[in-house]
């Protein structure tokens, strides 16, 4: 049996009010989150049971509550809070790699998005 496996939640989209500028708090914007979770293998895989593993529906809700909760100035801080929240909720997570994308960052220029990735060990 492998000693870990990976769960990925990709492009989870939320409306929130993070950022340095007052206009970002007032107007809000869309944020996209990817969560890559390295999960410790348990008997749950052999038993085909949700008990003892990471329920990704619950993981999505954890991410949603953090992103739509209190405002953060830095998306780096937001990513770290998500990683900590997931590892606190699921003891099976060895490593949470969280990417937060901000498509409408207030930068004078043409770009697709700004993104940061943070890793946190459970």
PDB file of N, CA and C in Angstrom:
ATOM      1  N   UNK A   1       0.847  -1.176   0.000  1.00  0.00           N
ATOM      2  CA  UNK A   1       0.000   0.000   0.000  1.00  0.00           C
ATOM      3  C   UNK A   1       0.897   1.245   0.000  1.00  0.00           C
ATOM      4  N   UNK A   2       0.552   2.224  -0.782  1.00  0.00           N
ATOM      5  CA  UNK A   2       1.305   3.482  -0.812  1.00  0.00           C
ATOM      6  C   UNK A   2       1.174   4.185   0.536  1.00  0.00           C
ATOM      7  N   UNK A   3       2.169   5.004   0.885  1.00  0.00           N
ATOM      8  CA  UNK A   3       2.073   5.666   2.181  1.00  0.00           C
ATOM      9  C   UNK A   3       1.406   7.036   2.114  1.00  0.00           C
ATOM     10  N   UNK A   4       1.121   7.525   0.907  1.00  0.00           N
ATOM     11  CA  UNK A   4       0.336   8.748   0.788  1.00  0.00           C
ATOM     12  C   UNK A   4      -0.268   8.833  -0.617  1.00  0.00           C
ATOM     13  N   UNK A   5      -1.259   9.676  -0.742  1.00  0.00           N
ATOM     14  CA  UNK A   5      -1.888   9.948  -2.028  1.00  0.00           C
ATOM     15  C   UNK A   5      -2.250  11.426  -2.064  1.00  0.00           C
ATOM     16  N   UNK A   6      -2.636  11.926  -3.208  1.00  0.00           N
ATOM     17  CA  UNK A   6      -2.893  13.350  -3.375  1.00  0.00           C
ATOM     18  C   UNK A   6      -4.337  13.600  -3.781  1.00  0.00           C
ATOM     19  N   UNK A   7      -4.939  14.575  -3.120  1.00  0.00           N
ATOM     20  CA  UNK A   7      -6.261  15.075  -3.493  1.00  0.00           C
ATOM     21  C   UNK A   7      -6.059  16.501  -3.985  1.00  0.00           C
ATOM     22  N   UNK A   8      -6.662  16.840  -5.114  1.00  0.00           N
ATOM     23  CA  UNK A   8      -6.580  18.206  -5.646  1.00  0.00           C
ATOM     24  C   UNK A   8      -7.987  18.774  -5.827  1.00  0.00           C
ATOM     25  N   UNK A   9      -8.193  19.954  -5.301  1.00  0.00           N
ATOM     26  CA  UNK A   9      -9.394  20.727  -5.580  1.00  0.00           C
ATOM     27  C   UNK A   9      -8.916  21.898  -6.429  1.00  0.00           C
ATOM     28  N   UNK A  10      -9.423  22.015  -7.639  1.00  0.00           N
ATOM     29  CA  UNK A  10      -8.893  23.003  -8.581  1.00  0.00           C
ATOM     30  C   UNK A  10      -9.922  24.082  -8.916  1.00  0.00           C
ATOM     31  N   UNK A  11      -9.450  25.314  -8.960  1.00  0.00           N
ATOM     32  CA  UNK A  11     -10.252  26.467  -9.366  1.00  0.00           C
ATOM     33  C   UNK A  11     -11.521  26.650  -8.545  1.00  0.00           C
ATOM     34  N   UNK A  12     -11.404  26.487  -7.242  1.00  0.00           N
ATOM     35  CA  UNK A  12     -12.526  26.780  -6.354  1.00  0.00           C
ATOM     36  C   UNK A  12     -12.702  28.301  -6.361  1.00  0.00           C
ATOM     37  N   UNK A  13     -13.875  28.779  -6.735  1.00  0.00           N
ATOM     38  CA  UNK A  13     -14.096  30.218  -6.930  1.00  0.00           C
ATOM     39  C   UNK A  13     -14.969  30.794  -5.817  1.00  0.00           C
ATOM     40  N   UNK A  14     -14.556  31.970  -5.332  1.00  0.00           N
ATOM     41  CA  UNK A  14     -15.279  32.644  -4.253  1.00  0.00           C
ATOM     42  C   UNK A  14     -15.229  34.148  -4.471  1.00  0.00           C
ATOM     43  N   UNK A  15     -16.257  34.831  -3.998  1.00  0.00           N
ATOM     44  CA  UNK A  15     -16.264  36.292  -3.985  1.00  0.00           C
ATOM     45  C   UNK A  15     -15.868  36.732  -2.590  1.00  0.00           C
ATOM     46  N   UNK A  16     -14.859  37.601  -2.513  1.00  0.00           N
ATOM     47  CA  UNK A  16     -14.378  38.058  -1.208  1.00  0.00           C
ATOM     48  C   UNK A  16     -13.786  39.463  -1.333  1.00  0.00           C
ATOM     49  N   UNK A  17     -13.281  39.979  -0.218  1.00  0.00           N
ATOM     50  CA  UNK A  17     -12.849  41.374  -0.147  1.00  0.00           C
ATOM     51  C   UNK A  17     -11.428  41.534   0.379  1.00  0.00           C
ATOM     52  N   UNK A  18     -10.515  40.679  -0.066  1.00  0.00           N
ATOM     53  CA  UNK A  18      -9.128  40.732   0.401  1.00  0.00           C
ATOM     54  C   UNK A  18      -8.324  41.730  -0.424  1.00  0.00           C
ATOM     55  N   UNK A  19      -7.317  42.306   0.204  1.00  0.00           N
ATOM     56  CA  UNK A  19      -6.418  43.205  -0.517  1.00  0.00           C
ATOM     57  C   UNK A  19      -6.011  44.397   0.321  1.00  0.00           C
ATOM     58  N   UNK A  20      -5.015  45.084  -0.157  1.00  0.00           N
ATOM     59  CA  UNK A  20      -4.431  46.226   0.544  1.00  0.00           C
ATOM     60  C   UNK A  20      -5.285  47.485   0.421  1.00  0.00           C
ATOM     61  N   UNK A  21      -5.894  47.691  -0.732  1.00  0.00           N
ATOM     62  CA  UNK A  21      -6.567  48.956  -1.030  1.00  0.00           C
ATOM     63  C   UNK A  21      -8.015  48.974  -0.550  1.00  0.00           C
ATOM     64  N   UNK A  22      -8.462  50.154  -0.129  1.00  0.00           N
ATOM     65  CA  UNK A  22      -9.841  50.309   0.354  1.00  0.00           C
ATOM     66  C   UNK A  22     -10.863  49.884  -0.692  1.00  0.00           C
ATOM     67  N   UNK A  23     -10.577  50.174  -1.958  1.00  0.00           N
ATOM     68  CA  UNK A  23     -11.507  49.822  -3.032  1.00  0.00           C
ATOM     69  C   UNK A  23     -11.698  48.305  -3.120  1.00  0.00           C
ATOM     70  N   UNK A  24     -10.665  47.547  -2.811  1.00  0.00           N
ATOM     71  CA  UNK A  24     -10.782  46.083  -2.851  1.00  0.00           C
ATOM     72  C   UNK A  24     -11.737  45.589  -1.767  1.00  0.00           C
ATOM     73  N   UNK A  25     -11.715  46.239  -0.628  1.00  0.00           N
ATOM     74  CA  UNK A  25     -12.644  45.869   0.435  1.00  0.00           C
ATOM     75  C   UNK A  25     -14.063  46.292   0.058  1.00  0.00           C
ATOM     76  N   UNK A  26     -14.205  47.480  -0.500  1.00  0.00           N
ATOM     77  CA  UNK A  26     -15.523  48.008  -0.848  1.00  0.00           C
ATOM     78  C   UNK A  26     -16.163  47.227  -1.997  1.00  0.00           C
ATOM     79  N   UNK A  27     -15.402  47.003  -3.067  1.00  0.00           N
ATOM     80  CA  UNK A  27     -15.948  46.362  -4.260  1.00  0.00           C
ATOM     81  C   UNK A  27     -15.926  44.836  -4.183  1.00  0.00           C
ATOM     82  N   UNK A  28     -14.896  44.288  -3.577  1.00  0.00           N
ATOM     83  CA  UNK A  28     -14.722  42.841  -3.574  1.00  0.00           C
ATOM     84  C   UNK A  28     -14.335  42.335  -4.958  1.00  0.00           C
ATOM     85  N   UNK A  29     -14.009  41.060  -5.041  1.00  0.00           N
ATOM     86  CA  UNK A  29     -13.645  40.467  -6.317  1.00  0.00           C
ATOM     87  C   UNK A  29     -13.608  38.949  -6.192  1.00  0.00           C
ATOM     88  N   UNK A  30     -13.381  38.314  -7.304  1.00  0.00           N
ATOM     89  CA  UNK A  30     -13.321  36.855  -7.345  1.00  0.00           C
ATOM     90  C   UNK A  30     -11.911  36.387  -6.985  1.00  0.00           C
ATOM     91  N   UNK A  31     -11.853  35.319  -6.204  1.00  0.00           N
ATOM     92  CA  UNK A  31     -10.596  34.657  -5.865  1.00  0.00           C
ATOM     93  C   UNK A  31     -10.720  33.192  -6.254  1.00  0.00           C
ATOM     94  N   UNK A  32      -9.637  32.631  -6.774  1.00  0.00           N
ATOM     95  CA  UNK A  32      -9.613  31.222  -7.169  1.00  0.00           C
ATOM     96  C   UNK A  32      -8.587  30.499  -6.307  1.00  0.00           C
ATOM     97  N   UNK A  33      -8.961  29.328  -5.831  1.00  0.00           N
ATOM     98  CA  UNK A  33      -8.094  28.578  -4.923  1.00  0.00           C
ATOM     99  C   UNK A  33      -7.899  27.166  -5.451  1.00  0.00           C
ATOM    100  N   UNK A  34      -6.656  26.723  -5.459  1.00  0.00           N
ATOM    101  CA  UNK A  34      -6.317  25.325  -5.700  1.00  0.00           C
ATOM    102  C   UNK A  34      -5.773  24.769  -4.393  1.00  0.00           C
ATOM    103  N   UNK A  35      -6.228  23.593  -4.023  1.00  0.00           N
ATOM    104  CA  UNK A  35      -5.703  22.918  -2.839  1.00  0.00           C
ATOM    105  C   UNK A  35      -5.163  21.567  -3.270  1.00  0.00           C
ATOM    106  N   UNK A  36      -3.875  21.364  -3.063  1.00  0.00           N
ATOM    107  CA  UNK A  36      -3.249  20.075  -3.318  1.00  0.00           C
ATOM    108  C   UNK A  36      -2.871  19.498  -1.966  1.00  0.00           C
ATOM    109  N   UNK A  37      -3.484  18.380  -1.622  1.00  0.00           N
ATOM    110  CA  UNK A  37      -3.355  17.815  -0.292  1.00  0.00           C
ATOM    111  C   UNK A  37      -2.679  16.454  -0.364  1.00  0.00           C
ATOM    112  N   UNK A  38      -1.520  16.338   0.270  1.00  0.00           N
ATOM    113  CA  UNK A  38      -0.860  15.039   0.388  1.00  0.00           C
ATOM    114  C   UNK A  38      -1.424  14.379   1.641  1.00  0.00           C
ATOM    115  N   UNK A  39      -2.083  13.238   1.438  1.00  0.00           N
ATOM    116  CA  UNK A  39      -2.839  12.589   2.502  1.00  0.00           C
ATOM    117  C   UNK A  39      -2.197  11.257   2.868  1.00  0.00           C
ATOM    118  N   UNK A  40      -2.067  11.030   4.155  1.00  0.00           N
ATOM    119  CA  UNK A  40      -1.519   9.771   4.647  1.00  0.00           C
ATOM    120  C   UNK A  40      -2.498   8.639   4.350  1.00  0.00           C
ATOM    121  N   UNK A  41      -1.980   7.574   3.784  1.00  0.00           N
ATOM    122  CA  UNK A  41      -2.805   6.422   3.459  1.00  0.00           C
ATOM    123  C   UNK A  41      -3.247   5.736   4.744  1.00  0.00           C
ATOM    124  N   UNK A  42      -4.480   5.273   4.749  1.00  0.00           N
ATOM    125  CA  UNK A  42      -5.020   4.556   5.904  1.00  0.00           C
ATOM    126  C   UNK A  42      -5.830   3.376   5.391  1.00  0.00           C
ATOM    127  N   UNK A  43      -6.405   2.652   6.299  1.00  0.00           N
ATOM    128  CA  UNK A  43      -7.249   1.514   5.941  1.00  0.00           C
ATOM    129  C   UNK A  43      -8.477   1.962   5.144  1.00  0.00           C
ATOM    130  N   UNK A  44      -8.793   3.240   5.186  1.00  0.00           N
ATOM    131  CA  UNK A  44      -9.966   3.745   4.478  1.00  0.00           C
ATOM    132  C   UNK A  44      -9.920   3.405   2.986  1.00  0.00           C
ATOM    133  N   UNK A  45      -8.735   3.422   2.394  1.00  0.00           N
ATOM    134  CA  UNK A  45      -8.630   3.109   0.975  1.00  0.00           C
ATOM    135  C   UNK A  45      -8.942   1.643   0.710  1.00  0.00           C
ATOM    136  N   UNK A  46      -8.405   0.773   1.524  1.00  0.00           N
ATOM    137  CA  UNK A  46      -8.666  -0.664   1.369  1.00  0.00           C
ATOM    138  C   UNK A  46     -10.137  -0.990   1.635  1.00  0.00           C
ATOM    139  N   UNK A  47     -10.720  -0.265   2.588  1.00  0.00           N
ATOM    140  CA  UNK A  47     -12.105  -0.521   2.983  1.00  0.00           C
ATOM    141  C   UNK A  47     -13.106   0.262   2.145  1.00  0.00           C
ATOM    142  N   UNK A  48     -12.605   1.154   1.277  1.00  0.00           N
ATOM    143  CA  UNK A  48     -13.469   2.001   0.458  1.00  0.00           C
ATOM    144  C   UNK A  48     -14.463   2.761   1.333  1.00  0.00           C
ATOM    145  N   UNK A  49     -13.898   3.458   2.342  1.00  0.00           N
ATOM    146  CA  UNK A  49     -14.719   4.149   3.339  1.00  0.00           C
ATOM    147  C   UNK A  49     -14.267   5.598   3.476  1.00  0.00           C
ATOM    148  N   UNK A  50     -15.226   6.498   3.583  1.00  0.00           N
ATOM    149  CA  UNK A  50     -14.904   7.916   3.760  1.00  0.00           C
ATOM    150  C   UNK A  50     -14.316   8.180   5.142  1.00  0.00           C
ATOM    151  N   UNK A  51     -14.622   7.320   6.103  1.00  0.00           N
ATOM    152  CA  UNK A  51     -14.059   7.467   7.452  1.00  0.00           C
ATOM    153  C   UNK A  51     -12.546   7.261   7.369  1.00  0.00           C
ATOM    154  N   UNK A  52     -11.811   8.157   7.983  1.00  0.00           N
ATOM    155  CA  UNK A  52     -10.356   8.024   8.010  1.00  0.00           C
ATOM    156  C   UNK A  52      -9.644   8.641   6.829  1.00  0.00           C
ATOM    157  N   UNK A  53     -10.380   9.324   5.973  1.00  0.00           N
ATOM    158  CA  UNK A  53      -9.734  10.009   4.856  1.00  0.00           C
ATOM    159  C   UNK A  53     -10.245  11.450   4.815  1.00  0.00           C
ATOM    160  N   UNK A  54      -9.919  12.167   3.761  1.00  0.00           N
ATOM    161  CA  UNK A  54     -10.325  13.561   3.617  1.00  0.00           C
ATOM    162  C   UNK A  54     -11.578  13.614   2.744  1.00  0.00           C
ATOM    163  N   UNK A  55     -12.654  14.089   3.309  1.00  0.00           N
ATOM    164  CA  UNK A  55     -13.897  14.298   2.564  1.00  0.00           C
ATOM    165  C   UNK A  55     -13.740  15.626   1.827  1.00  0.00           C
ATOM    166  N   UNK A  56     -13.607  15.578   0.505  1.00  0.00           N
ATOM    167  CA  UNK A  56     -13.300  16.822  -0.205  1.00  0.00           C
ATOM    168  C   UNK A  56     -14.468  17.782  -0.262  1.00  0.00           C
ATOM    169  N   UNK A  57     -15.681  17.328   0.002  1.00  0.00           N
ATOM    170  CA  UNK A  57     -16.812  18.256   0.155  1.00  0.00           C
ATOM    171  C   UNK A  57     -16.644  19.097   1.407  1.00  0.00           C
ATOM    172  N   UNK A  58     -16.208  18.467   2.481  1.00  0.00           N
ATOM    173  CA  UNK A  58     -15.934  19.187   3.725  1.00  0.00           C
ATOM    174  C   UNK A  58     -14.717  20.094   3.534  1.00  0.00           C
ATOM    175  N   UNK A  59     -13.700  19.612   2.833  1.00  0.00           N
ATOM    176  CA  UNK A  59     -12.511  20.434   2.570  1.00  0.00           C
ATOM    177  C   UNK A  59     -12.896  21.703   1.808  1.00  0.00           C
ATOM    178  N   UNK A  60     -13.782  21.570   0.827  1.00  0.00           N
ATOM    179  CA  UNK A  60     -14.240  22.748   0.078  1.00  0.00           C
ATOM    180  C   UNK A  60     -14.905  23.743   1.021  1.00  0.00           C
ATOM    181  N   UNK A  61     -15.739  23.257   1.924  1.00  0.00           N
ATOM    182  CA  UNK A  61     -16.432  24.140   2.871  1.00  0.00           C
ATOM    183  C   UNK A  61     -15.440  24.854   3.790  1.00  0.00           C
ATOM    184  N   UNK A  62     -14.390  24.162   4.215  1.00  0.00           N
ATOM    185  CA  UNK A  62     -13.351  24.784   5.042  1.00  0.00           C
ATOM    186  C   UNK A  62     -12.708  25.934   4.269  1.00  0.00           C
ATOM    187  N   UNK A  63     -12.369  25.671   3.012  1.00  0.00           N
ATOM    188  CA  UNK A  63     -11.769  26.714   2.164  1.00  0.00           C
ATOM    189  C   UNK A  63     -12.727  27.891   2.015  1.00  0.00           C
ATOM    190  N   UNK A  64     -13.980  27.590   1.699  1.00  0.00           N
ATOM    191  CA  UNK A  64     -14.990  28.635   1.500  1.00  0.00           C
ATOM    192  C   UNK A  64     -15.148  29.518   2.742  1.00  0.00           C
ATOM    193  N   UNK A  65     -15.234  28.905   3.907  1.00  0.00           N
ATOM    194  CA  UNK A  65     -15.400  29.679   5.147  1.00  0.00           C
ATOM    195  C   UNK A  65     -14.221  30.612   5.388  1.00  0.00           C
ATOM    196  N   UNK A  66     -13.028  30.150   5.082  1.00  0.00           N
ATOM    197  CA  UNK A  66     -11.846  30.981   5.296  1.00  0.00           C
ATOM    198  C   UNK A  66     -11.780  32.110   4.273  1.00  0.00           C
ATOM    199  N   UNK A  67     -12.008  31.790   3.008  1.00  0.00           N
ATOM    200  CA  UNK A  67     -11.913  32.821   1.958  1.00  0.00           C
ATOM    201  C   UNK A  67     -12.993  33.882   2.113  1.00  0.00           C
ATOM    202  N   UNK A  68     -14.189  33.479   2.449  1.00  0.00           N
ATOM    203  CA  UNK A  68     -15.294  34.442   2.546  1.00  0.00           C
ATOM    204  C   UNK A  68     -15.417  35.036   3.947  1.00  0.00           C
ATOM    205  N   UNK A  69     -14.537  34.641   4.849  1.00  0.00           N
ATOM    206  CA  UNK A  69     -14.545  35.161   6.215  1.00  0.00           C
ATOM    207  C   UNK A  69     -13.842  36.497   6.317  1.00  0.00           C
ATOM    208  N   UNK A  70     -13.063  36.657   7.359  1.00  0.00           N
ATOM    209  CA  UNK A  70     -12.432  37.961   7.608  1.00  0.00           C
ATOM    210  C   UNK A  70     -11.467  38.361   6.489  1.00  0.00           C
ATOM    211  N   UNK A  71     -11.356  39.656   6.302  1.00  0.00           N
ATOM    212  CA  UNK A  71     -10.491  40.220   5.267  1.00  0.00           C
ATOM    213  C   UNK A  71      -9.018  40.064   5.636  1.00  0.00           C
ATOM    214  N   UNK A  72      -8.218  39.761   4.626  1.00  0.00           N
ATOM    215  CA  UNK A  72      -6.763  39.739   4.772  1.00  0.00           C
ATOM    216  C   UNK A  72      -6.159  40.700   3.760  1.00  0.00           C
ATOM    217  N   UNK A  73      -5.097  41.350   4.146  1.00  0.00           N
ATOM    218  CA  UNK A  73      -4.407  42.277   3.246  1.00  0.00           C
ATOM    219  C   UNK A  73      -3.629  41.490   2.198  1.00  0.00           C
ATOM    220  N   UNK A  74      -2.976  40.412   2.600  1.00  0.00           N
ATOM    221  CA  UNK A  74      -2.116  39.630   1.714  1.00  0.00           C
ATOM    222  C   UNK A  74      -2.784  38.325   1.307  1.00  0.00           C
ATOM    223  N   UNK A  75      -2.716  37.996   0.017  1.00  0.00           N
ATOM    224  CA  UNK A  75      -3.235  36.686  -0.387  1.00  0.00           C
ATOM    225  C   UNK A  75      -2.307  35.578   0.105  1.00  0.00           C
ATOM    226  N   UNK A  76      -1.063  35.924   0.417  1.00  0.00           N
ATOM    227  CA  UNK A  76      -0.160  34.950   1.028  1.00  0.00           C
ATOM    228  C   UNK A  76      -0.689  34.512   2.397  1.00  0.00           C
ATOM    229  N   UNK A  77      -1.179  35.474   3.174  1.00  0.00           N
ATOM    230  CA  UNK A  77      -1.754  35.174   4.488  1.00  0.00           C
ATOM    231  C   UNK A  77      -3.021  34.351   4.334  1.00  0.00           C
ATOM    232  N   UNK A  78      -3.814  34.670   3.326  1.00  0.00           N
ATOM    233  CA  UNK A  78      -5.028  33.905   3.048  1.00  0.00           C
ATOM    234  C   UNK A  78      -4.681  32.452   2.726  1.00  0.00           C
ATOM    235  N   UNK A  79      -3.695  32.247   1.870  1.00  0.00           N
ATOM    236  CA  UNK A  79      -3.275  30.887   1.493  1.00  0.00           C
ATOM    237  C   UNK A  79      -2.783  30.110   2.714  1.00  0.00           C
ATOM    238  N   UNK A  80      -2.007  30.759   3.565  1.00  0.00           N
ATOM    239  CA  UNK A  80      -1.505  30.087   4.765  1.00  0.00           C
ATOM    240  C   UNK A  80      -2.654  29.722   5.700  1.00  0.00           C
ATOM    241  N   UNK A  81      -3.608  30.618   5.875  1.00  0.00           N
ATOM    242  CA  UNK A  81      -4.758  30.325   6.735  1.00  0.00           C
ATOM    243  C   UNK A  81      -5.569  29.145   6.203  1.00  0.00           C
ATOM    244  N   UNK A  82      -5.704  29.054   4.898  1.00  0.00           N
ATOM    245  CA  UNK A  82      -6.414  27.917   4.296  1.00  0.00           C
ATOM    246  C   UNK A  82      -5.659  26.627   4.587  1.00  0.00           C
ATOM    247  N   UNK A  83      -4.346  26.648   4.369  1.00  0.00           N
ATOM    248  CA  UNK A  83      -3.530  25.457   4.611  1.00  0.00           C
ATOM    249  C   UNK A  83      -3.625  25.022   6.070  1.00  0.00           C
ATOM    250  N   UNK A  84      -3.523  25.970   6.985  1.00  0.00           N
ATOM    251  CA  UNK A  84      -3.618  25.654   8.415  1.00  0.00           C
ATOM    252  C   UNK A  84      -5.009  25.142   8.773  1.00  0.00           C
ATOM    253  N   UNK A  85      -6.034  25.737   8.183  1.00  0.00           N
ATOM    254  CA  UNK A  85      -7.400  25.296   8.461  1.00  0.00           C
ATOM    255  C   UNK A  85      -7.649  23.869   8.007  1.00  0.00           C
ATOM    256  N   UNK A  86      -7.120  23.517   6.844  1.00  0.00           N
ATOM    257  CA  UNK A  86      -7.301  22.159   6.321  1.00  0.00           C
ATOM    258  C   UNK A  86      -6.521  21.138   7.135  1.00  0.00           C
ATOM    259  N   UNK A  87      -5.278  21.462   7.502  1.00  0.00           N
ATOM    260  CA  UNK A  87      -4.500  20.505   8.284  1.00  0.00           C
ATOM    261  C   UNK A  87      -5.043  20.370   9.698  1.00  0.00           C
ATOM    262  N   UNK A  88      -5.657  21.418  10.224  1.00  0.00           N
ATOM    263  CA  UNK A  88      -6.278  21.335  11.545  1.00  0.00           C
ATOM    264  C   UNK A  88      -7.541  20.469  11.496  1.00  0.00           C
ATOM    265  N   UNK A  89      -8.286  20.568  10.408  1.00  0.00           N
ATOM    266  CA  UNK A  89      -9.538  19.803  10.278  1.00  0.00           C
ATOM    267  C   UNK A  89      -9.290  18.330   9.980  1.00  0.00           C
ATOM    268  N   UNK A  90      -8.248  18.043   9.195  1.00  0.00           N
ATOM    269  CA  UNK A  90      -7.965  16.669   8.768  1.00  0.00           C
ATOM    270  C   UNK A  90      -6.554  16.276   9.188  1.00  0.00           C
ATOM    271  N   UNK A  91      -6.449  15.463  10.212  1.00  0.00           N
ATOM    272  CA  UNK A  91      -5.134  15.051  10.710  1.00  0.00           C
ATOM    273  C   UNK A  91      -4.386  14.185   9.700  1.00  0.00           C
ATOM    274  N   UNK A  92      -5.073  13.642   8.707  1.00  0.00           N
ATOM    275  CA  UNK A  92      -4.446  12.784   7.698  1.00  0.00           C
ATOM    276  C   UNK A  92      -3.624  13.576   6.680  1.00  0.00           C
ATOM    277  N   UNK A  93      -3.806  14.891   6.629  1.00  0.00           N
ATOM    278  CA  UNK A  93      -3.077  15.701   5.646  1.00  0.00           C
ATOM    279  C   UNK A  93      -1.645  15.909   6.121  1.00  0.00           C
ATOM    280  N   UNK A  94      -0.687  15.389   5.330  1.00  0.00           N
ATOM    281  CA  UNK A  94       0.739  15.582   5.634  1.00  0.00           C
ATOM    282  C   UNK A  94       1.213  16.948   5.165  1.00  0.00           C
ATOM    283  N   UNK A  95       0.723  17.360   3.988  1.00  0.00           N
ATOM    284  CA  UNK A  95       1.150  18.624   3.394  1.00  0.00           C
ATOM    285  C   UNK A  95      -0.014  19.237   2.637  1.00  0.00           C
ATOM    286  N   UNK A  96      -0.270  20.505   2.894  1.00  0.00           N
ATOM    287  CA  UNK A  96      -1.278  21.250   2.140  1.00  0.00           C
ATOM    288  C   UNK A  96      -0.550  22.300   1.316  1.00  0.00           C
ATOM    289  N   UNK A  97      -0.700  22.218   0.014  1.00  0.00           N
ATOM    290  CA  UNK A  97      -0.108  23.188  -0.912  1.00  0.00           C
ATOM    291  C   UNK A  97      -1.279  23.989  -1.479  1.00  0.00           C
ATOM    292  N   UNK A  98      -1.355  25.258  -1.107  1.00  0.00           N
ATOM    293  CA  UNK A  98      -2.497  26.098  -1.457  1.00  0.00           C
ATOM    294  C   UNK A  98      -2.052  27.209  -2.396  1.00  0.00           C
ATOM    295  N   UNK A  99      -2.756  27.327  -3.510  1.00  0.00           N
ATOM    296  CA  UNK A  99      -2.523  28.420  -4.454  1.00  0.00           C
ATOM    297  C   UNK A  99      -3.758  29.305  -4.479  1.00  0.00           C
ATOM    298  N   UNK A 100      -3.538  30.602  -4.314  1.00  0.00           N
ATOM    299  CA  UNK A 100      -4.620  31.582  -4.397  1.00  0.00           C
ATOM    300  C   UNK A 100      -4.331  32.478  -5.587  1.00  0.00           C
ATOM    301  N   UNK A 101      -5.321  32.599  -6.477  1.00  0.00           N
ATOM    302  CA  UNK A 101      -5.211  33.470  -7.641  1.00  0.00           C
ATOM    303  C   UNK A 101      -6.161  34.658  -7.495  1.00  0.00           C
ATOM    304  N   UNK A 102      -5.660  35.799  -7.901  1.00  0.00           N
ATOM    305  CA  UNK A 102      -6.420  37.046  -7.832  1.00  0.00           C
ATOM    306  C   UNK A 102      -6.455  37.632  -9.242  1.00  0.00           C
ATOM    307  N   UNK A 103      -7.515  37.353 -10.009  1.00  0.00           N
ATOM    308  CA  UNK A 103      -7.577  37.803 -11.403  1.00  0.00           C
ATOM    309  C   UNK A 103      -7.654  39.319 -11.567  1.00  0.00           C
ATOM    310  N   UNK A 104      -8.217  40.001 -10.579  1.00  0.00           N
ATOM    311  CA  UNK A 104      -8.421  41.449 -10.713  1.00  0.00           C
ATOM    312  C   UNK A 104      -7.539  42.250  -9.764  1.00  0.00           C
ATOM    313  N   UNK A 105      -6.310  41.835  -9.608  1.00  0.00           N
ATOM    314  CA  UNK A 105      -5.379  42.587  -8.755  1.00  0.00           C
ATOM    315  C   UNK A 105      -5.219  44.001  -9.313  1.00  0.00           C
ATOM    316  N   UNK A 106      -5.153  45.007  -8.444  1.00  0.00           N
ATOM    317  CA  UNK A 106      -5.073  46.398  -8.906  1.00  0.00           C
ATOM    318  C   UNK A 106      -3.667  46.770  -9.387  1.00  0.00           C
ATOM    319  N   UNK A 107      -3.336  46.268 -10.577  1.00  0.00           N
ATOM    320  CA  UNK A 107      -2.044  46.534 -11.195  1.00  0.00           C
ATOM    321  C   UNK A 107      -2.293  47.214 -12.534  1.00  0.00           C
ATOM    322  N   UNK A 108      -1.565  48.278 -12.791  1.00  0.00           N
ATOM    323  CA  UNK A 108      -1.705  48.968 -14.074  1.00  0.00           C
ATOM    324  C   UNK A 108      -0.949  48.155 -15.119  1.00  0.00           C
ATOM    325  N   UNK A 109      -1.661  47.351 -15.871  1.00  0.00           N
ATOM    326  CA  UNK A 109      -1.027  46.518 -16.880  1.00  0.00           C
ATOM    327  C   UNK A 109      -1.954  45.391 -17.285  1.00  0.00           C
ATOM    328  N   UNK A 110      -1.540  44.689 -18.303  1.00  0.00           N
ATOM    329  CA  UNK A 110      -2.329  43.571 -18.827  1.00  0.00           C
ATOM    330  C   UNK A 110      -1.711  42.280 -18.313  1.00  0.00           C
ATOM    331  N   UNK A 111      -2.515  41.485 -17.621  1.00  0.00           N
ATOM    332  CA  UNK A 111      -2.050  40.213 -17.066  1.00  0.00           C
ATOM    333  C   UNK A 111      -3.257  39.317 -16.836  1.00  0.00           C
ATOM    334  N   UNK A 112      -3.004  38.058 -16.698  1.00  0.00           N
ATOM    335  CA  UNK A 112      -4.083  37.098 -16.466  1.00  0.00           C
ATOM    336  C   UNK A 112      -4.512  37.106 -15.009  1.00  0.00           C
ATOM    337  N   UNK A 113      -3.550  36.965 -14.108  1.00  0.00           N
ATOM    338  CA  UNK A 113      -3.840  36.961 -12.681  1.00  0.00           C
ATOM    339  C   UNK A 113      -2.529  37.029 -11.897  1.00  0.00           C
ATOM    340  N   UNK A 114      -2.659  37.325 -10.619  1.00  0.00           N
ATOM    341  CA  UNK A 114      -1.551  37.229  -9.680  1.00  0.00           C
ATOM    342  C   UNK A 114      -1.828  35.985  -8.854  1.00  0.00           C
ATOM    343  N   UNK A 115      -0.788  35.208  -8.559  1.00  0.00           N
ATOM    344  CA  UNK A 115      -1.007  34.011  -7.749  1.00  0.00           C
ATOM    345  C   UNK A 115       0.139  33.792  -6.794  1.00  0.00           C
ATOM    346  N   UNK A 116      -0.196  33.197  -5.650  1.00  0.00           N
ATOM    347  CA  UNK A 116       0.807  32.788  -4.677  1.00  0.00           C
ATOM    348  C   UNK A 116       0.522  31.342  -4.288  1.00  0.00           C
ATOM    349  N   UNK A 117       1.576  30.640  -3.915  1.00  0.00           N
ATOM    350  CA  UNK A 117       1.441  29.264  -3.420  1.00  0.00           C
ATOM    351  C   UNK A 117       2.162  29.169  -2.083  1.00  0.00           C
ATOM    352  N   UNK A 118       1.484  28.576  -1.114  1.00  0.00           N
ATOM    353  CA  UNK A 118       2.029  28.385   0.225  1.00  0.00           C
ATOM    354  C   UNK A 118       1.934  26.912   0.566  1.00  0.00           C
ATOM    355  N   UNK A 119       2.944  26.382   1.232  1.00  0.00           N
ATOM    356  CA  UNK A 119       2.912  25.001   1.709  1.00  0.00           C
ATOM    357  C   UNK A 119       2.939  24.985   3.225  1.00  0.00           C
ATOM    358  N   UNK A 120       2.157  24.071   3.791  1.00  0.00           N
ATOM    359  CA  UNK A 120       2.119  23.916   5.247  1.00  0.00           C
ATOM    360  C   UNK A 120       2.033  22.440   5.577  1.00  0.00           C
ATOM    361  N   UNK A 121       2.908  21.984   6.453  1.00  0.00           N
ATOM    362  CA  UNK A 121       2.907  20.581   6.872  1.00  0.00           C
ATOM    363  C   UNK A 121       1.992  20.386   8.056  1.00  0.00           C
ATOM    364  N   UNK A 122       1.203  19.309   7.973  1.00  0.00           N
ATOM    365  CA  UNK A 122       0.263  18.996   9.049  1.00  0.00           C
ATOM    366  C   UNK A 122       0.923  18.234  10.159  1.00  0.00           C
TER     367      UNK A 122
END
